[in-house]
Amino acid sequence: MIEFIYVVVGILAVIFGFYLGRGTYSQSIEEVEERMGKGKPRRAKRHFMWLNYMRPEDRASKRRRREQ
């Protein structure tokens, strides 16, 4: 009987969470897109890693081209 109550309370909690998360939007989609603008794609940042010291200086493809 206790397990049944746990299941029912869990289902009600999920339903209540969906109810709270649905939100109300006062702006239309067009207004939101207008405020956000077009935007530009961002370049990936190059982060320094200590493992780079262990990497060979040149790539294998460059070595093969040099050998030909």
C-alpha atoms as a PDB file:
ATOM      1  CA  MET A   1       0.000   0.000   0.000  1.00  0.00           C
ATOM      2  CA  ILE A   2       2.845   2.389   0.851  1.00  0.00           C
ATOM      3  CA  GLU A   3       4.509   1.741  -2.532  1.00  0.00           C
ATOM      4  CA  PHE A   4       1.256   2.650  -4.284  1.00  0.00           C
ATOM      5  CA  ILE A   5       1.140   5.975  -2.423  1.00  0.00           C
ATOM      6  CA  TYR A   6       4.793   6.655  -3.376  1.00  0.00           C
ATOM      7  CA  VAL A   7       4.002   6.002  -7.044  1.00  0.00           C
ATOM      8  CA  VAL A   8       0.928   8.244  -7.010  1.00  0.00           C
ATOM      9  CA  VAL A   9       2.805  11.056  -5.221  1.00  0.00           C
ATOM     10  CA  GLY A  10       5.665  10.723  -7.721  1.00  0.00           C
ATOM     11  CA  ILE A  11       3.318  10.964 -10.685  1.00  0.00           C
ATOM     12  CA  LEU A  12       1.593  13.983  -9.150  1.00  0.00           C
ATOM     13  CA  ALA A  13       4.982  15.628  -8.544  1.00  0.00           C
ATOM     14  CA  VAL A  14       5.951  15.145 -12.202  1.00  0.00           C
ATOM     15  CA  ILE A  15       2.621  16.577 -13.365  1.00  0.00           C
ATOM     16  CA  PHE A  16       3.032  19.545 -11.011  1.00  0.00           C
ATOM     17  CA  GLY A  17       6.563  20.095 -12.348  1.00  0.00           C
ATOM     18  CA  PHE A  18       5.260  20.166 -15.922  1.00  0.00           C
ATOM     19  CA  TYR A  19       2.578  22.635 -14.831  1.00  0.00           C
ATOM     20  CA  LEU A  20       5.148  24.963 -13.257  1.00  0.00           C
ATOM     21  CA  GLY A  21       7.580  24.609 -16.153  1.00  0.00           C
ATOM     22  CA  ARG A  22       5.188  25.376 -18.972  1.00  0.00           C
ATOM     23  CA  GLY A  23       5.341  29.122 -18.261  1.00  0.00           C
ATOM     24  CA  THR A  24       3.358  31.875 -19.894  1.00  0.00           C
ATOM     25  CA  TYR A  25       4.925  33.808 -22.714  1.00  0.00           C
ATOM     26  CA  SER A  26       3.866  37.428 -23.091  1.00  0.00           C
ATOM     27  CA  GLN A  27       5.907  37.961 -26.279  1.00  0.00           C
ATOM     28  CA  SER A  28       5.294  36.513 -29.688  1.00  0.00           C
ATOM     29  CA  ILE A  29       7.955  34.495 -31.475  1.00  0.00           C
ATOM     30  CA  GLU A  30       8.588  37.372 -33.871  1.00  0.00           C
ATOM     31  CA  GLU A  31       9.268  39.780 -30.988  1.00  0.00           C
ATOM     32  CA  VAL A  32      11.704  37.366 -29.370  1.00  0.00           C
ATOM     33  CA  GLU A  33      13.590  36.839 -32.656  1.00  0.00           C
ATOM     34  CA  GLU A  34      13.718  40.597 -33.227  1.00  0.00           C
ATOM     35  CA  ARG A  35      15.267  41.231 -29.813  1.00  0.00           C
ATOM     36  CA  MET A  36      17.803  38.426 -30.134  1.00  0.00           C
ATOM     37  CA  GLY A  37      19.011  39.615 -33.521  1.00  0.00           C
ATOM     38  CA  LYS A  38      20.736  37.604 -36.198  1.00  0.00           C
ATOM     39  CA  GLY A  39      23.911  36.791 -34.315  1.00  0.00           C
ATOM     40  CA  LYS A  40      27.177  35.455 -35.684  1.00  0.00           C
ATOM     41  CA  PRO A  41      28.546  31.944 -35.314  1.00  0.00           C
ATOM     42  CA  ARG A  42      31.366  31.853 -32.791  1.00  0.00           C
ATOM     43  CA  ARG A  43      34.766  30.356 -33.438  1.00  0.00           C
ATOM     44  CA  ALA A  44      35.949  27.572 -31.206  1.00  0.00           C
ATOM     45  CA  LYS A  45      38.440  28.648 -28.563  1.00  0.00           C
ATOM     46  CA  ARG A  46      41.833  26.992 -28.614  1.00  0.00           C
ATOM     47  CA  HIS A  47      42.725  26.009 -25.065  1.00  0.00           C
ATOM     48  CA  PHE A  48      46.276  25.159 -24.094  1.00  0.00           C
ATOM     49  CA  MET A  49      46.712  21.681 -22.694  1.00  0.00           C
ATOM     50  CA  TRP A  50      49.783  20.279 -20.975  1.00  0.00           C
ATOM     51  CA  LEU A  51      49.501  17.172 -23.121  1.00  0.00           C
ATOM     52  CA  ASN A  52      50.454  19.310 -26.133  1.00  0.00           C
ATOM     53  CA  TYR A  53      54.078  19.052 -25.000  1.00  0.00           C
ATOM     54  CA  MET A  54      53.924  15.300 -25.610  1.00  0.00           C
ATOM     55  CA  ARG A  55      52.460  15.642 -29.109  1.00  0.00           C
ATOM     56  CA  PRO A  56      54.871  15.342 -32.036  1.00  0.00           C
ATOM     57  CA  GLU A  57      55.790  18.625 -33.683  1.00  0.00           C
ATOM     58  CA  ASP A  58      54.344  17.815 -37.089  1.00  0.00           C
ATOM     59  CA  ARG A  59      51.530  15.585 -38.174  1.00  0.00           C
ATOM     60  CA  ALA A  60      52.047  12.243 -39.887  1.00  0.00           C
ATOM     61  CA  SER A  61      50.480  13.521 -43.102  1.00  0.00           C
ATOM     62  CA  LYS A  62      53.063  16.317 -43.262  1.00  0.00           C
ATOM     63  CA  ARG A  63      55.881  13.829 -42.699  1.00  0.00           C
ATOM     64  CA  ARG A  64      54.606  11.580 -45.517  1.00  0.00           C
ATOM     65  CA  ARG A  65      54.386  14.529 -47.917  1.00  0.00           C
ATOM     66  CA  ARG A  66      57.919  15.527 -47.042  1.00  0.00           C
ATOM     67  CA  GLU A  67      59.210  11.984 -47.678  1.00  0.00           C
ATOM     68  CA  GLN A  68      57.765  11.790 -51.196  1.00  0.00           C
END
